[in-house]
Amino acid sequence: MPLAQLISPQQLAERQKAGGCVILDCRFALEDPDYGRCSYAEGHIEGAQYADLERT
């Protein structure tokens, strides 16, 4: 499944260094309710928090 990229990894690193940045991982798949949580558990951006769009 292709992922959309709104900013580059370098831009994200700069924003993280500046502070006050909250990163939410909200990956999902309509056909698999556990996809997002499983993908997050397998790997995510350091400091990111998982936001379950189906259960929150």
PDB file of N, CA and C in Angstrom:
ATOM      1  N   MET A   1       0.852  -1.175   0.000  1.00  0.00           N
ATOM      2  CA  MET A   1       0.000   0.000   0.000  1.00  0.00           C
ATOM      3  C   MET A   1       0.900   1.240   0.000  1.00  0.00           C
ATOM      4  N   PRO A   2       0.806   2.114  -1.005  1.00  0.00           N
ATOM      5  CA  PRO A   2       1.646   3.307  -1.049  1.00  0.00           C
ATOM      6  C   PRO A   2       1.249   4.295   0.052  1.00  0.00           C
ATOM      7  N   LEU A   3       2.234   4.992   0.563  1.00  0.00           N
ATOM      8  CA  LEU A   3       1.995   5.959   1.630  1.00  0.00           C
ATOM      9  C   LEU A   3       2.171   7.371   1.082  1.00  0.00           C
ATOM     10  N   ALA A   4       1.303   8.274   1.500  1.00  0.00           N
ATOM     11  CA  ALA A   4       1.409   9.673   1.091  1.00  0.00           C
ATOM     12  C   ALA A   4       2.518  10.348   1.898  1.00  0.00           C
ATOM     13  N   GLN A   5       3.272  11.194   1.256  1.00  0.00           N
ATOM     14  CA  GLN A   5       4.338  11.932   1.938  1.00  0.00           C
ATOM     15  C   GLN A   5       4.036  13.412   1.808  1.00  0.00           C
ATOM     16  N   LEU A   6       3.739  14.050   2.931  1.00  0.00           N
ATOM     17  CA  LEU A   6       3.415  15.465   2.922  1.00  0.00           C
ATOM     18  C   LEU A   6       4.653  16.338   3.094  1.00  0.00           C
ATOM     19  N   ILE A   7       5.627  15.851   3.876  1.00  0.00           N
ATOM     20  CA  ILE A   7       6.895  16.542   4.025  1.00  0.00           C
ATOM     21  C   ILE A   7       8.007  15.498   3.926  1.00  0.00           C
ATOM     22  N   SER A   8       9.199  15.958   3.695  1.00  0.00           N
ATOM     23  CA  SER A   8      10.338  15.040   3.557  1.00  0.00           C
ATOM     24  C   SER A   8      10.833  14.617   4.940  1.00  0.00           C
ATOM     25  N   PRO A   9      11.570  13.513   5.003  1.00  0.00           N
ATOM     26  CA  PRO A   9      12.159  13.103   6.283  1.00  0.00           C
ATOM     27  C   PRO A   9      13.053  14.195   6.881  1.00  0.00           C
ATOM     28  N   GLN A  10      13.766  14.925   6.041  1.00  0.00           N
ATOM     29  CA  GLN A  10      14.630  15.997   6.524  1.00  0.00           C
ATOM     30  C   GLN A  10      13.811  17.129   7.153  1.00  0.00           C
ATOM     31  N   GLN A  11      12.685  17.484   6.518  1.00  0.00           N
ATOM     32  CA  GLN A  11      11.824  18.524   7.074  1.00  0.00           C
ATOM     33  C   GLN A  11      11.239  18.086   8.420  1.00  0.00           C
ATOM     34  N   LEU A  12      10.860  16.825   8.524  1.00  0.00           N
ATOM     35  CA  LEU A  12      10.324  16.319   9.783  1.00  0.00           C
ATOM     36  C   LEU A  12      11.386  16.367  10.875  1.00  0.00           C
ATOM     37  N   ALA A  13      12.606  15.964  10.557  1.00  0.00           N
ATOM     38  CA  ALA A  13      13.691  15.996  11.543  1.00  0.00           C
ATOM     39  C   ALA A  13      13.934  17.417  12.046  1.00  0.00           C
ATOM     40  N   GLU A  14      13.876  18.396  11.160  1.00  0.00           N
ATOM     41  CA  GLU A  14      14.051  19.799  11.548  1.00  0.00           C
ATOM     42  C   GLU A  14      12.936  20.239  12.489  1.00  0.00           C
ATOM     43  N   ARG A  15      11.704  19.845  12.191  1.00  0.00           N
ATOM     44  CA  ARG A  15      10.576  20.218  13.057  1.00  0.00           C
ATOM     45  C   ARG A  15      10.677  19.537  14.418  1.00  0.00           C
ATOM     46  N   GLN A  16      11.137  18.290  14.437  1.00  0.00           N
ATOM     47  CA  GLN A  16      11.307  17.583  15.704  1.00  0.00           C
ATOM     48  C   GLN A  16      12.368  18.271  16.558  1.00  0.00           C
ATOM     49  N   LYS A  17      13.452  18.703  15.954  1.00  0.00           N
ATOM     50  CA  LYS A  17      14.516  19.397  16.693  1.00  0.00           C
ATOM     51  C   LYS A  17      14.023  20.703  17.281  1.00  0.00           C
ATOM     52  N   ALA A  18      13.120  21.386  16.581  1.00  0.00           N
ATOM     53  CA  ALA A  18      12.597  22.664  17.047  1.00  0.00           C
ATOM     54  C   ALA A  18      11.683  22.494  18.260  1.00  0.00           C
ATOM     55  N   GLY A  19      11.149  21.288  18.455  1.00  0.00           N
ATOM     56  CA  GLY A  19      10.284  21.019  19.600  1.00  0.00           C
ATOM     57  C   GLY A  19       8.833  21.379  19.328  1.00  0.00           C
ATOM     58  N   GLY A  20       7.981  20.913  20.207  1.00  0.00           N
ATOM     59  CA  GLY A  20       6.559  21.209  20.103  1.00  0.00           C
ATOM     60  C   GLY A  20       5.860  20.458  18.986  1.00  0.00           C
ATOM     61  N   CYS A  21       6.477  19.404  18.499  1.00  0.00           N
ATOM     62  CA  CYS A  21       5.928  18.641  17.377  1.00  0.00           C
ATOM     63  C   CYS A  21       5.353  17.322  17.895  1.00  0.00           C
ATOM     64  N   VAL A  22       4.104  17.051  17.557  1.00  0.00           N
ATOM     65  CA  VAL A  22       3.472  15.783  17.916  1.00  0.00           C
ATOM     66  C   VAL A  22       3.247  14.998  16.635  1.00  0.00           C
ATOM     67  N   ILE A  23       3.737  13.767  16.615  1.00  0.00           N
ATOM     68  CA  ILE A  23       3.607  12.927  15.424  1.00  0.00           C
ATOM     69  C   ILE A  23       2.611  11.821  15.742  1.00  0.00           C
ATOM     70  N   LEU A  24       1.553  11.754  14.947  1.00  0.00           N
ATOM     71  CA  LEU A  24       0.536  10.725  15.116  1.00  0.00           C
ATOM     72  C   LEU A  24       0.602   9.757  13.943  1.00  0.00           C
ATOM     73  N   ASP A  25       0.667   8.483  14.269  1.00  0.00           N
ATOM     74  CA  ASP A  25       0.650   7.421  13.260  1.00  0.00           C
ATOM     75  C   ASP A  25      -0.794   6.925  13.203  1.00  0.00           C
ATOM     76  N   CYS A  26      -1.476   7.202  12.111  1.00  0.00           N
ATOM     77  CA  CYS A  26      -2.891   6.820  12.006  1.00  0.00           C
ATOM     78  C   CYS A  26      -3.132   5.968  10.761  1.00  0.00           C
ATOM     79  N   ARG A  27      -2.194   5.067  10.488  1.00  0.00           N
ATOM     80  CA  ARG A  27      -2.367   4.152   9.355  1.00  0.00           C
ATOM     81  C   ARG A  27      -3.600   3.282   9.580  1.00  0.00           C
ATOM     82  N   PHE A  28      -4.266   2.957   8.488  1.00  0.00           N
ATOM     83  CA  PHE A  28      -5.445   2.091   8.587  1.00  0.00           C
ATOM     84  C   PHE A  28      -5.710   1.428   7.242  1.00  0.00           C
ATOM     85  N   ALA A  29      -6.496   0.385   7.283  1.00  0.00           N
ATOM     86  CA  ALA A  29      -6.959  -0.292   6.074  1.00  0.00           C
ATOM     87  C   ALA A  29      -8.399  -0.711   6.336  1.00  0.00           C
ATOM     88  N   LEU A  30      -9.300  -0.331   5.470  1.00  0.00           N
ATOM     89  CA  LEU A  30     -10.717  -0.636   5.668  1.00  0.00           C
ATOM     90  C   LEU A  30     -10.980  -2.132   5.786  1.00  0.00           C
ATOM     91  N   GLU A  31     -10.215  -2.936   5.054  1.00  0.00           N
ATOM     92  CA  GLU A  31     -10.457  -4.379   5.060  1.00  0.00           C
ATOM     93  C   GLU A  31      -9.798  -5.095   6.242  1.00  0.00           C
ATOM     94  N   ASP A  32      -8.972  -4.392   7.026  1.00  0.00           N
ATOM     95  CA  ASP A  32      -8.262  -5.024   8.145  1.00  0.00           C
ATOM     96  C   ASP A  32      -8.177  -4.055   9.319  1.00  0.00           C
ATOM     97  N   PRO A  33      -9.100  -4.142  10.273  1.00  0.00           N
ATOM     98  CA  PRO A  33      -9.124  -3.206  11.397  1.00  0.00           C
ATOM     99  C   PRO A  33      -7.846  -3.208  12.247  1.00  0.00           C
ATOM    100  N   ASP A  34      -7.077  -4.285  12.228  1.00  0.00           N
ATOM    101  CA  ASP A  34      -5.859  -4.359  13.033  1.00  0.00           C
ATOM    102  C   ASP A  34      -4.601  -3.928  12.279  1.00  0.00           C
ATOM    103  N   TYR A  35      -4.738  -3.580  11.016  1.00  0.00           N
ATOM    104  CA  TYR A  35      -3.584  -3.221  10.188  1.00  0.00           C
ATOM    105  C   TYR A  35      -2.755  -2.087  10.806  1.00  0.00           C
ATOM    106  N   GLY A  36      -3.405  -1.016  11.201  1.00  0.00           N
ATOM    107  CA  GLY A  36      -2.688   0.149  11.717  1.00  0.00           C
ATOM    108  C   GLY A  36      -1.893  -0.158  12.965  1.00  0.00           C
ATOM    109  N   ARG A  37      -2.529  -0.792  13.933  1.00  0.00           N
ATOM    110  CA  ARG A  37      -1.847  -1.108  15.192  1.00  0.00           C
ATOM    111  C   ARG A  37      -0.689  -2.082  14.939  1.00  0.00           C
ATOM    112  N   CYS A  38      -0.898  -3.078  14.089  1.00  0.00           N
ATOM    113  CA  CYS A  38       0.168  -4.041  13.780  1.00  0.00           C
ATOM    114  C   CYS A  38       1.323  -3.352  13.058  1.00  0.00           C
ATOM    115  N   SER A  39       1.023  -2.488  12.115  1.00  0.00           N
ATOM    116  CA  SER A  39       2.065  -1.774  11.380  1.00  0.00           C
ATOM    117  C   SER A  39       2.858  -0.870  12.320  1.00  0.00           C
ATOM    118  N   TYR A  40       2.164  -0.185  13.215  1.00  0.00           N
ATOM    119  CA  TYR A  40       2.829   0.674  14.197  1.00  0.00           C
ATOM    120  C   TYR A  40       3.761  -0.151  15.081  1.00  0.00           C
ATOM    121  N   ALA A  41       3.289  -1.319  15.521  1.00  0.00           N
ATOM    122  CA  ALA A  41       4.099  -2.181  16.385  1.00  0.00           C
ATOM    123  C   ALA A  41       5.349  -2.683  15.660  1.00  0.00           C
ATOM    124  N   GLU A  42       5.257  -2.874  14.351  1.00  0.00           N
ATOM    125  CA  GLU A  42       6.403  -3.350  13.561  1.00  0.00           C
ATOM    126  C   GLU A  42       7.449  -2.261  13.357  1.00  0.00           C
ATOM    127  N   GLY A  43       7.030  -1.009  13.377  1.00  0.00           N
ATOM    128  CA  GLY A  43       7.977   0.083  13.200  1.00  0.00           C
ATOM    129  C   GLY A  43       7.273   1.395  12.937  1.00  0.00           C
ATOM    130  N   HIS A  44       7.818   2.457  13.514  1.00  0.00           N
ATOM    131  CA  HIS A  44       7.231   3.777  13.337  1.00  0.00           C
ATOM    132  C   HIS A  44       8.302   4.846  13.563  1.00  0.00           C
ATOM    133  N   ILE A  45       7.977   6.061  13.242  1.00  0.00           N
ATOM    134  CA  ILE A  45       8.883   7.182  13.456  1.00  0.00           C
ATOM    135  C   ILE A  45       9.115   7.321  14.960  1.00  0.00           C
ATOM    136  N   GLU A  46      10.368   7.494  15.338  1.00  0.00           N
ATOM    137  CA  GLU A  46      10.702   7.621  16.757  1.00  0.00           C
ATOM    138  C   GLU A  46       9.889   8.745  17.400  1.00  0.00           C
ATOM    139  N   GLY A  47       9.249   8.433  18.509  1.00  0.00           N
ATOM    140  CA  GLY A  47       8.444   9.414  19.232  1.00  0.00           C
ATOM    141  C   GLY A  47       6.995   9.498  18.774  1.00  0.00           C
ATOM    142  N   ALA A  48       6.662   8.826  17.678  1.00  0.00           N
ATOM    143  CA  ALA A  48       5.281   8.874  17.177  1.00  0.00           C
ATOM    144  C   ALA A  48       4.344   8.120  18.113  1.00  0.00           C
ATOM    145  N   GLN A  49       3.119   8.581  18.187  1.00  0.00           N
ATOM    146  CA  GLN A  49       2.087   7.927  18.977  1.00  0.00           C
ATOM    147  C   GLN A  49       1.049   7.355  18.016  1.00  0.00           C
ATOM    148  N   TYR A  50       0.492   6.216  18.361  1.00  0.00           N
ATOM    149  CA  TYR A  50      -0.509   5.600  17.494  1.00  0.00           C
ATOM    150  C   TYR A  50      -1.883   6.175  17.802  1.00  0.00           C
ATOM    151  N   ALA A  51      -2.613   6.567  16.785  1.00  0.00           N
ATOM    152  CA  ALA A  51      -3.969   7.076  16.909  1.00  0.00           C
ATOM    153  C   ALA A  51      -4.890   6.151  16.101  1.00  0.00           C
ATOM    154  N   ASP A  52      -5.672   5.356  16.794  1.00  0.00           N
ATOM    155  CA  ASP A  52      -6.575   4.403  16.142  1.00  0.00           C
ATOM    156  C   ASP A  52      -7.838   5.141  15.712  1.00  0.00           C
ATOM    157  N   LEU A  53      -7.995   5.347  14.423  1.00  0.00           N
ATOM    158  CA  LEU A  53      -9.140   6.111  13.901  1.00  0.00           C
ATOM    159  C   LEU A  53     -10.462   5.371  14.041  1.00  0.00           C
ATOM    160  N   GLU A  54     -10.413   4.063  14.176  1.00  0.00           N
ATOM    161  CA  GLU A  54     -11.641   3.276  14.320  1.00  0.00           C
ATOM    162  C   GLU A  54     -12.116   3.180  15.762  1.00  0.00           C
ATOM    163  N   ARG A  55     -11.206   3.238  16.710  1.00  0.00           N
ATOM    164  CA  ARG A  55     -11.556   2.959  18.107  1.00  0.00           C
ATOM    165  C   ARG A  55     -11.377   4.156  19.036  1.00  0.00           C
ATOM    166  N   THR A  56     -11.006   5.296  18.527  1.00  0.00           N
ATOM    167  CA  THR A  56     -10.772   6.450  19.375  1.00  0.00           C
ATOM    168  C   THR A  56     -11.904   7.430  19.289  1.00  0.00           C
TER     169      THR A  56
END
